[in-house]
Structure formats: structure tokens, C-alpha cells
């Protein structure tokens, strides 16, 4: 999950750079798949840091929904599997 978020963050930066230079862009569908696969927090952070895709409500809504989904999955895993520390 850490790698997915780091990759998502870097991809947001790369896409912003491509947008500024009028180069071929990363498809939004790629970001959607990455968010669902565990990179939602990287996408949210990248969107904020690079000020990229912040005006697209559908994009930010999906990223936040995926992040909430991942928080719920982690809480359920912790509840059923227990804490790795204790």
C-alpha cells in the first residue's frame, strides 16, 4: 500500500508536469484504478501538493471515497486479525 501511494503521488506530479508542457497526459481511468488499488492517499496528497485536478469534483470525490473505503478495510482487518503490535 505504501508503494501504491508513493507511485500515485509521483504520477500526479508527472501528470501536472505533462499538462504544463502540453504533452501526452495520464488517463483519469488510470488514477481511478490506482485509487481503488490502494493509492488513494497518494492521489489526494499529490492533488494538494501539485494543485492538480482540484477542480474536478468527480475525480476528487472518487479519490476521497476510495480513501474512506481503505480506512474502513484497515479498521476491519485490525478488528478481525488483531493489532500487529500487541
PDB file of N, CA and C in Angstrom:
ATOM      1  N   UNK A   1       0.830  -1.188   0.000  1.00  0.00           N
ATOM      2  CA  UNK A   1       0.000   0.000   0.000  1.00  0.00           C
ATOM      3  C   UNK A   1       0.879   1.258   0.000  1.00  0.00           C
ATOM      4  N   UNK A   2       1.985   1.193   0.714  1.00  0.00           N
ATOM      5  CA  UNK A   2       2.895   2.330   0.738  1.00  0.00           C
ATOM      6  C   UNK A   2       3.433   2.621  -0.671  1.00  0.00           C
ATOM      7  N   UNK A   3       3.817   1.569  -1.365  1.00  0.00           N
ATOM      8  CA  UNK A   3       4.339   1.752  -2.733  1.00  0.00           C
ATOM      9  C   UNK A   3       3.276   2.302  -3.670  1.00  0.00           C
ATOM     10  N   UNK A   4       2.041   1.846  -3.520  1.00  0.00           N
ATOM     11  CA  UNK A   4       0.949   2.345  -4.359  1.00  0.00           C
ATOM     12  C   UNK A   4       0.736   3.839  -4.134  1.00  0.00           C
ATOM     13  N   UNK A   5       0.832   4.279  -2.889  1.00  0.00           N
ATOM     14  CA  UNK A   5       0.639   5.695  -2.578  1.00  0.00           C
ATOM     15  C   UNK A   5       1.811   6.550  -3.055  1.00  0.00           C
ATOM     16  N   UNK A   6       3.012   6.041  -2.906  1.00  0.00           N
ATOM     17  CA  UNK A   6       4.172   6.776  -3.411  1.00  0.00           C
ATOM     18  C   UNK A   6       4.119   6.901  -4.930  1.00  0.00           C
ATOM     19  N   UNK A   7       3.741   5.809  -5.598  1.00  0.00           N
ATOM     20  CA  UNK A   7       3.613   5.824  -7.049  1.00  0.00           C
ATOM     21  C   UNK A   7       2.516   6.794  -7.489  1.00  0.00           C
ATOM     22  N   UNK A   8       1.377   6.766  -6.800  1.00  0.00           N
ATOM     23  CA  UNK A   8       0.264   7.652  -7.137  1.00  0.00           C
ATOM     24  C   UNK A   8       0.665   9.117  -6.972  1.00  0.00           C
ATOM     25  N   UNK A   9       1.381   9.423  -5.898  1.00  0.00           N
ATOM     26  CA  UNK A   9       1.844  10.780  -5.652  1.00  0.00           C
ATOM     27  C   UNK A   9       2.774  11.241  -6.780  1.00  0.00           C
ATOM     28  N   UNK A  10       3.724  10.387  -7.134  1.00  0.00           N
ATOM     29  CA  UNK A  10       4.675  10.725  -8.200  1.00  0.00           C
ATOM     30  C   UNK A  10       3.959  10.869  -9.544  1.00  0.00           C
ATOM     31  N   UNK A  11       2.975  10.029  -9.795  1.00  0.00           N
ATOM     32  CA  UNK A  11       2.234  10.098 -11.050  1.00  0.00           C
ATOM     33  C   UNK A  11       1.422  11.384 -11.153  1.00  0.00           C
ATOM     34  N   UNK A  12       0.899  11.857 -10.031  1.00  0.00           N
ATOM     35  CA  UNK A  12       0.184  13.146 -10.034  1.00  0.00           C
ATOM     36  C   UNK A  12       1.149  14.269 -10.414  1.00  0.00           C
ATOM     37  N   UNK A  13       2.359  14.237  -9.872  1.00  0.00           N
ATOM     38  CA  UNK A  13       3.359  15.243 -10.211  1.00  0.00           C
ATOM     39  C   UNK A  13       3.771  15.171 -11.665  1.00  0.00           C
ATOM     40  N   UNK A  14       3.945  13.964 -12.158  1.00  0.00           N
ATOM     41  CA  UNK A  14       4.327  13.784 -13.561  1.00  0.00           C
ATOM     42  C   UNK A  14       3.223  14.260 -14.489  1.00  0.00           C
ATOM     43  N   UNK A  15       1.969  13.968 -14.141  1.00  0.00           N
ATOM     44  CA  UNK A  15       0.852  14.394 -14.985  1.00  0.00           C
ATOM     45  C   UNK A  15       0.712  15.913 -14.984  1.00  0.00           C
ATOM     46  N   UNK A  16       0.955  16.540 -13.854  1.00  0.00           N
ATOM     47  CA  UNK A  16       0.915  18.010 -13.787  1.00  0.00           C
ATOM     48  C   UNK A  16       2.001  18.601 -14.676  1.00  0.00           C
ATOM     49  N   UNK A  17       3.179  18.018 -14.636  1.00  0.00           N
ATOM     50  CA  UNK A  17       4.275  18.489 -15.483  1.00  0.00           C
ATOM     51  C   UNK A  17       3.936  18.322 -16.956  1.00  0.00           C
ATOM     52  N   UNK A  18       3.357  17.180 -17.285  1.00  0.00           N
ATOM     53  CA  UNK A  18       2.951  16.941 -18.672  1.00  0.00           C
ATOM     54  C   UNK A  18       1.884  17.942 -19.114  1.00  0.00           C
ATOM     55  N   UNK A  19       0.985  18.266 -18.220  1.00  0.00           N
ATOM     56  CA  UNK A  19      -0.070  19.233 -18.555  1.00  0.00           C
ATOM     57  C   UNK A  19       0.534  20.608 -18.846  1.00  0.00           C
ATOM     58  N   UNK A  20       1.502  20.997 -18.053  1.00  0.00           N
ATOM     59  CA  UNK A  20       2.144  22.306 -18.260  1.00  0.00           C
ATOM     60  C   UNK A  20       2.907  22.379 -19.577  1.00  0.00           C
ATOM     61  N   UNK A  21       3.465  21.244 -19.997  1.00  0.00           N
ATOM     62  CA  UNK A  21       4.262  21.214 -21.223  1.00  0.00           C
ATOM     63  C   UNK A  21       3.471  20.740 -22.445  1.00  0.00           C
ATOM     64  N   UNK A  22       2.162  20.632 -22.283  1.00  0.00           N
ATOM     65  CA  UNK A  22       1.268  20.224 -23.372  1.00  0.00           C
ATOM     66  C   UNK A  22       1.696  18.883 -23.974  1.00  0.00           C
ATOM     67  N   UNK A  23       2.070  17.951 -23.106  1.00  0.00           N
ATOM     68  CA  UNK A  23       2.471  16.608 -23.529  1.00  0.00           C
ATOM     69  C   UNK A  23       1.327  15.628 -23.270  1.00  0.00           C
ATOM     70  N   UNK A  24       1.523  14.403 -23.717  1.00  0.00           N
ATOM     71  CA  UNK A  24       0.520  13.367 -23.525  1.00  0.00           C
ATOM     72  C   UNK A  24       0.294  13.134 -22.033  1.00  0.00           C
ATOM     73  N   UNK A  25      -0.974  13.073 -21.641  1.00  0.00           N
ATOM     74  CA  UNK A  25      -1.348  13.003 -20.227  1.00  0.00           C
ATOM     75  C   UNK A  25      -1.667  11.589 -19.778  1.00  0.00           C
ATOM     76  N   UNK A  26      -1.712  11.417 -18.478  1.00  0.00           N
ATOM     77  CA  UNK A  26      -2.132  10.165 -17.870  1.00  0.00           C
ATOM     78  C   UNK A  26      -3.661  10.146 -17.858  1.00  0.00           C
ATOM     79  N   UNK A  27      -4.245   9.039 -18.263  1.00  0.00           N
ATOM     80  CA  UNK A  27      -5.703   8.937 -18.283  1.00  0.00           C
ATOM     81  C   UNK A  27      -6.266   8.945 -16.871  1.00  0.00           C
ATOM     82  N   UNK A  28      -7.433   9.589 -16.716  1.00  0.00           N
ATOM     83  CA  UNK A  28      -8.074   9.604 -15.400  1.00  0.00           C
ATOM     84  C   UNK A  28      -8.428   8.207 -14.948  1.00  0.00           C
ATOM     85  N   UNK A  29      -8.760   7.338 -15.879  1.00  0.00           N
ATOM     86  CA  UNK A  29      -9.083   5.960 -15.545  1.00  0.00           C
ATOM     87  C   UNK A  29      -7.916   5.280 -14.826  1.00  0.00           C
ATOM     88  N   UNK A  30      -6.699   5.640 -15.197  1.00  0.00           N
ATOM     89  CA  UNK A  30      -5.517   5.093 -14.531  1.00  0.00           C
ATOM     90  C   UNK A  30      -5.482   5.537 -13.070  1.00  0.00           C
ATOM     91  N   UNK A  31      -5.804   6.804 -12.828  1.00  0.00           N
ATOM     92  CA  UNK A  31      -5.845   7.299 -11.451  1.00  0.00           C
ATOM     93  C   UNK A  31      -6.966   6.624 -10.658  1.00  0.00           C
ATOM     94  N   UNK A  32      -8.108   6.401 -11.298  1.00  0.00           N
ATOM     95  CA  UNK A  32      -9.223   5.734 -10.615  1.00  0.00           C
ATOM     96  C   UNK A  32      -8.815   4.330 -10.188  1.00  0.00           C
ATOM     97  N   UNK A  33      -8.202   3.591 -11.091  1.00  0.00           N
ATOM     98  CA  UNK A  33      -7.766   2.227 -10.779  1.00  0.00           C
ATOM     99  C   UNK A  33      -6.721   2.228  -9.677  1.00  0.00           C
ATOM    100  N   UNK A  34      -5.823   3.184  -9.727  1.00  0.00           N
ATOM    101  CA  UNK A  34      -4.781   3.281  -8.719  1.00  0.00           C
ATOM    102  C   UNK A  34      -5.360   3.620  -7.343  1.00  0.00           C
ATOM    103  N   UNK A  35      -6.368   4.476  -7.317  1.00  0.00           N
ATOM    104  CA  UNK A  35      -7.023   4.831  -6.053  1.00  0.00           C
ATOM    105  C   UNK A  35      -7.680   3.613  -5.420  1.00  0.00           C
ATOM    106  N   UNK A  36      -8.381   2.837  -6.224  1.00  0.00           N
ATOM    107  CA  UNK A  36      -9.056   1.647  -5.721  1.00  0.00           C
ATOM    108  C   UNK A  36      -8.037   0.582  -5.298  1.00  0.00           C
ATOM    109  N   UNK A  37      -6.899   0.548  -5.961  1.00  0.00           N
ATOM    110  CA  UNK A  37      -5.862  -0.441  -5.657  1.00  0.00           C
ATOM    111  C   UNK A  37      -5.038  -0.077  -4.416  1.00  0.00           C
ATOM    112  N   UNK A  38      -5.313   1.059  -3.799  1.00  0.00           N
ATOM    113  CA  UNK A  38      -4.615   1.420  -2.564  1.00  0.00           C
ATOM    114  C   UNK A  38      -3.859   2.725  -2.608  1.00  0.00           C
ATOM    115  N   UNK A  39      -3.879   3.428  -3.734  1.00  0.00           N
ATOM    116  CA  UNK A  39      -3.119   4.669  -3.859  1.00  0.00           C
ATOM    117  C   UNK A  39      -3.928   5.943  -3.651  1.00  0.00           C
ATOM    118  N   UNK A  40      -5.079   5.813  -3.017  1.00  0.00           N
ATOM    119  CA  UNK A  40      -5.962   6.971  -2.852  1.00  0.00           C
ATOM    120  C   UNK A  40      -5.309   8.107  -2.056  1.00  0.00           C
ATOM    121  N   UNK A  41      -4.570   7.751  -1.021  1.00  0.00           N
ATOM    122  CA  UNK A  41      -3.956   8.786  -0.184  1.00  0.00           C
ATOM    123  C   UNK A  41      -2.847   9.523  -0.940  1.00  0.00           C
ATOM    124  N   UNK A  42      -2.113   8.809  -1.774  1.00  0.00           N
ATOM    125  CA  UNK A  42      -1.098   9.442  -2.614  1.00  0.00           C
ATOM    126  C   UNK A  42      -1.718  10.372  -3.638  1.00  0.00           C
ATOM    127  N   UNK A  43      -2.859   9.986  -4.172  1.00  0.00           N
ATOM    128  CA  UNK A  43      -3.554  10.842  -5.138  1.00  0.00           C
ATOM    129  C   UNK A  43      -4.063  12.107  -4.462  1.00  0.00           C
ATOM    130  N   UNK A  44      -4.620  11.962  -3.281  1.00  0.00           N
ATOM    131  CA  UNK A  44      -5.123  13.132  -2.550  1.00  0.00           C
ATOM    132  C   UNK A  44      -3.968  14.065  -2.190  1.00  0.00           C
ATOM    133  N   UNK A  45      -2.881  13.497  -1.696  1.00  0.00           N
ATOM    134  CA  UNK A  45      -1.716  14.317  -1.341  1.00  0.00           C
ATOM    135  C   UNK A  45      -1.121  14.978  -2.578  1.00  0.00           C
ATOM    136  N   UNK A  46      -0.989  14.217  -3.662  1.00  0.00           N
ATOM    137  CA  UNK A  46      -0.436  14.771  -4.900  1.00  0.00           C
ATOM    138  C   UNK A  46      -1.310  15.861  -5.480  1.00  0.00           C
ATOM    139  N   UNK A  47      -2.610  15.676  -5.384  1.00  0.00           N
ATOM    140  CA  UNK A  47      -3.542  16.683  -5.873  1.00  0.00           C
ATOM    141  C   UNK A  47      -3.371  17.994  -5.112  1.00  0.00           C
ATOM    142  N   UNK A  48      -3.171  17.880  -3.811  1.00  0.00           N
ATOM    143  CA  UNK A  48      -2.997  19.065  -2.971  1.00  0.00           C
ATOM    144  C   UNK A  48      -1.635  19.722  -3.192  1.00  0.00           C
ATOM    145  N   UNK A  49      -0.581  18.933  -3.181  1.00  0.00           N
ATOM    146  CA  UNK A  49       0.780  19.467  -3.319  1.00  0.00           C
ATOM    147  C   UNK A  49       1.002  20.095  -4.694  1.00  0.00           C
ATOM    148  N   UNK A  50       0.564  19.382  -5.740  1.00  0.00           N
ATOM    149  CA  UNK A  50       0.806  19.858  -7.103  1.00  0.00           C
ATOM    150  C   UNK A  50      -0.335  20.722  -7.643  1.00  0.00           C
ATOM    151  N   UNK A  51      -1.379  20.906  -6.833  1.00  0.00           N
ATOM    152  CA  UNK A  51      -2.574  21.659  -7.251  1.00  0.00           C
ATOM    153  C   UNK A  51      -3.061  21.160  -8.605  1.00  0.00           C
ATOM    154  N   UNK A  52      -3.291  19.862  -8.643  1.00  0.00           N
ATOM    155  CA  UNK A  52      -3.640  19.201  -9.890  1.00  0.00           C
ATOM    156  C   UNK A  52      -4.976  18.484  -9.738  1.00  0.00           C
ATOM    157  N   UNK A  53      -5.870  18.736 -10.655  1.00  0.00           N
ATOM    158  CA  UNK A  53      -7.200  18.131 -10.708  1.00  0.00           C
ATOM    159  C   UNK A  53      -8.049  18.505  -9.500  1.00  0.00           C
ATOM    160  N   UNK A  54      -7.803  19.630  -8.900  1.00  0.00           N
ATOM    161  CA  UNK A  54      -8.545  20.043  -7.714  1.00  0.00           C
ATOM    162  C   UNK A  54      -9.942  20.552  -8.051  1.00  0.00           C
ATOM    163  N   UNK A  55     -10.177  20.969  -9.266  1.00  0.00           N
ATOM    164  CA  UNK A  55     -11.488  21.489  -9.648  1.00  0.00           C
ATOM    165  C   UNK A  55     -12.416  20.416 -10.213  1.00  0.00           C
ATOM    166  N   UNK A  56     -11.922  19.213 -10.370  1.00  0.00           N
ATOM    167  CA  UNK A  56     -12.736  18.116 -10.913  1.00  0.00           C
ATOM    168  C   UNK A  56     -13.408  17.398  -9.753  1.00  0.00           C
ATOM    169  N   UNK A  57     -14.672  17.739  -9.508  1.00  0.00           N
ATOM    170  CA  UNK A  57     -15.387  17.160  -8.368  1.00  0.00           C
ATOM    171  C   UNK A  57     -15.512  15.652  -8.462  1.00  0.00           C
ATOM    172  N   UNK A  58     -15.733  15.132  -9.662  1.00  0.00           N
ATOM    173  CA  UNK A  58     -15.874  13.679  -9.797  1.00  0.00           C
ATOM    174  C   UNK A  58     -14.559  12.981  -9.453  1.00  0.00           C
ATOM    175  N   UNK A  59     -13.458  13.571  -9.822  1.00  0.00           N
ATOM    176  CA  UNK A  59     -12.145  12.994  -9.549  1.00  0.00           C
ATOM    177  C   UNK A  59     -11.837  13.022  -8.055  1.00  0.00           C
ATOM    178  N   UNK A  60     -11.993  14.182  -7.435  1.00  0.00           N
ATOM    179  CA  UNK A  60     -11.689  14.290  -6.008  1.00  0.00           C
ATOM    180  C   UNK A  60     -12.672  13.466  -5.181  1.00  0.00           C
ATOM    181  N   UNK A  61     -13.924  13.416  -5.610  1.00  0.00           N
ATOM    182  CA  UNK A  61     -14.919  12.612  -4.891  1.00  0.00           C
ATOM    183  C   UNK A  61     -14.555  11.147  -4.882  1.00  0.00           C
ATOM    184  N   UNK A  62     -14.117  10.634  -6.023  1.00  0.00           N
ATOM    185  CA  UNK A  62     -13.738   9.228  -6.084  1.00  0.00           C
ATOM    186  C   UNK A  62     -12.488   8.963  -5.247  1.00  0.00           C
ATOM    187  N   UNK A  63     -11.539   9.873  -5.284  1.00  0.00           N
ATOM    188  CA  UNK A  63     -10.314   9.688  -4.501  1.00  0.00           C
ATOM    189  C   UNK A  63     -10.629   9.649  -3.006  1.00  0.00           C
ATOM    190  N   UNK A  64     -11.495  10.549  -2.550  1.00  0.00           N
ATOM    191  CA  UNK A  64     -11.860  10.558  -1.134  1.00  0.00           C
ATOM    192  C   UNK A  64     -12.704   9.335  -0.764  1.00  0.00           C
ATOM    193  N   UNK A  65     -13.588   8.917  -1.657  1.00  0.00           N
ATOM    194  CA  UNK A  65     -14.390   7.717  -1.402  1.00  0.00           C
ATOM    195  C   UNK A  65     -13.493   6.488  -1.295  1.00  0.00           C
ATOM    196  N   UNK A  66     -12.509   6.387  -2.170  1.00  0.00           N
ATOM    197  CA  UNK A  66     -11.567   5.258  -2.107  1.00  0.00           C
ATOM    198  C   UNK A  66     -10.750   5.313  -0.816  1.00  0.00           C
ATOM    199  N   UNK A  67     -10.345   6.499  -0.408  1.00  0.00           N
ATOM    200  CA  UNK A  67      -9.575   6.635   0.833  1.00  0.00           C
ATOM    201  C   UNK A  67     -10.414   6.198   2.031  1.00  0.00           C
ATOM    202  N   UNK A  68     -11.670   6.612   2.067  1.00  0.00           N
ATOM    203  CA  UNK A  68     -12.557   6.201   3.162  1.00  0.00           C
ATOM    204  C   UNK A  68     -12.741   4.687   3.133  1.00  0.00           C
ATOM    205  N   UNK A  69     -12.895   4.144   1.942  1.00  0.00           N
ATOM    206  CA  UNK A  69     -13.021   2.696   1.808  1.00  0.00           C
ATOM    207  C   UNK A  69     -11.807   1.966   2.351  1.00  0.00           C
ATOM    208  N   UNK A  70     -10.615   2.486   2.059  1.00  0.00           N
ATOM    209  CA  UNK A  70      -9.393   1.845   2.551  1.00  0.00           C
ATOM    210  C   UNK A  70      -9.257   1.974   4.061  1.00  0.00           C
ATOM    211  N   UNK A  71      -9.695   3.084   4.625  1.00  0.00           N
ATOM    212  CA  UNK A  71      -9.671   3.226   6.088  1.00  0.00           C
ATOM    213  C   UNK A  71     -10.593   2.183   6.709  1.00  0.00           C
ATOM    214  N   UNK A  72     -11.776   2.013   6.119  1.00  0.00           N
ATOM    215  CA  UNK A  72     -12.711   1.010   6.642  1.00  0.00           C
ATOM    216  C   UNK A  72     -12.149  -0.402   6.522  1.00  0.00           C
ATOM    217  N   UNK A  73     -11.510  -0.711   5.402  1.00  0.00           N
ATOM    218  CA  UNK A  73     -10.892  -2.031   5.221  1.00  0.00           C
ATOM    219  C   UNK A  73      -9.821  -2.259   6.280  1.00  0.00           C
ATOM    220  N   UNK A  74      -8.994  -1.262   6.520  1.00  0.00           N
ATOM    221  CA  UNK A  74      -7.930  -1.402   7.523  1.00  0.00           C
ATOM    222  C   UNK A  74      -8.502  -1.574   8.929  1.00  0.00           C
ATOM    223  N   UNK A  75      -9.565  -0.837   9.239  1.00  0.00           N
ATOM    224  CA  UNK A  75     -10.188  -0.995  10.553  1.00  0.00           C
ATOM    225  C   UNK A  75     -10.794  -2.385  10.716  1.00  0.00           C
ATOM    226  N   UNK A  76     -11.438  -2.893   9.674  1.00  0.00           N
ATOM    227  CA  UNK A  76     -11.998  -4.245   9.729  1.00  0.00           C
ATOM    228  C   UNK A  76     -10.901  -5.294   9.873  1.00  0.00           C
ATOM    229  N   UNK A  77      -9.826  -5.128   9.143  1.00  0.00           N
ATOM    230  CA  UNK A  77      -8.707  -6.065   9.264  1.00  0.00           C
ATOM    231  C   UNK A  77      -8.121  -6.045  10.672  1.00  0.00           C
ATOM    232  N   UNK A  78      -7.992  -4.857  11.225  1.00  0.00           N
ATOM    233  CA  UNK A  78      -7.452  -4.757  12.583  1.00  0.00           C
ATOM    234  C   UNK A  78      -8.397  -5.405  13.584  1.00  0.00           C
ATOM    235  N   UNK A  79      -9.688  -5.225  13.372  1.00  0.00           N
ATOM    236  CA  UNK A  79     -10.669  -5.799  14.299  1.00  0.00           C
ATOM    237  C   UNK A  79     -10.651  -7.326  14.251  1.00  0.00           C
ATOM    238  N   UNK A  80     -10.601  -7.882  13.052  1.00  0.00           N
ATOM    239  CA  UNK A  80     -10.684  -9.333  12.914  1.00  0.00           C
ATOM    240  C   UNK A  80      -9.340 -10.043  13.047  1.00  0.00           C
ATOM    241  N   UNK A  81      -8.267  -9.403  12.693  1.00  0.00           N
ATOM    242  CA  UNK A  81      -6.956 -10.045  12.768  1.00  0.00           C
ATOM    243  C   UNK A  81      -6.165  -9.629  13.995  1.00  0.00           C
ATOM    244  N   UNK A  82      -6.558  -8.533  14.603  1.00  0.00           N
ATOM    245  CA  UNK A  82      -5.850  -8.045  15.775  1.00  0.00           C
ATOM    246  C   UNK A  82      -4.748  -7.084  15.389  1.00  0.00           C
ATOM    247  N   UNK A  83      -4.200  -6.438  16.367  1.00  0.00           N
ATOM    248  CA  UNK A  83      -3.137  -5.474  16.159  1.00  0.00           C
ATOM    249  C   UNK A  83      -1.806  -6.204  15.955  1.00  0.00           C
ATOM    250  N   UNK A  84      -0.999  -5.784  14.970  1.00  0.00           N
ATOM    251  CA  UNK A  84       0.290  -6.450  14.757  1.00  0.00           C
ATOM    252  C   UNK A  84       1.285  -6.163  15.876  1.00  0.00           C
ATOM    253  N   UNK A  85       1.030  -5.125  16.660  1.00  0.00           N
ATOM    254  CA  UNK A  85       1.962  -4.746  17.717  1.00  0.00           C
ATOM    255  C   UNK A  85       1.712  -5.562  18.976  1.00  0.00           C
ATOM    256  N   UNK A  86       0.464  -5.786  19.325  1.00  0.00           N
ATOM    257  CA  UNK A  86       0.143  -6.408  20.604  1.00  0.00           C
ATOM    258  C   UNK A  86      -0.166  -7.826  20.485  1.00  0.00           C
TER     259      UNK A  86
END
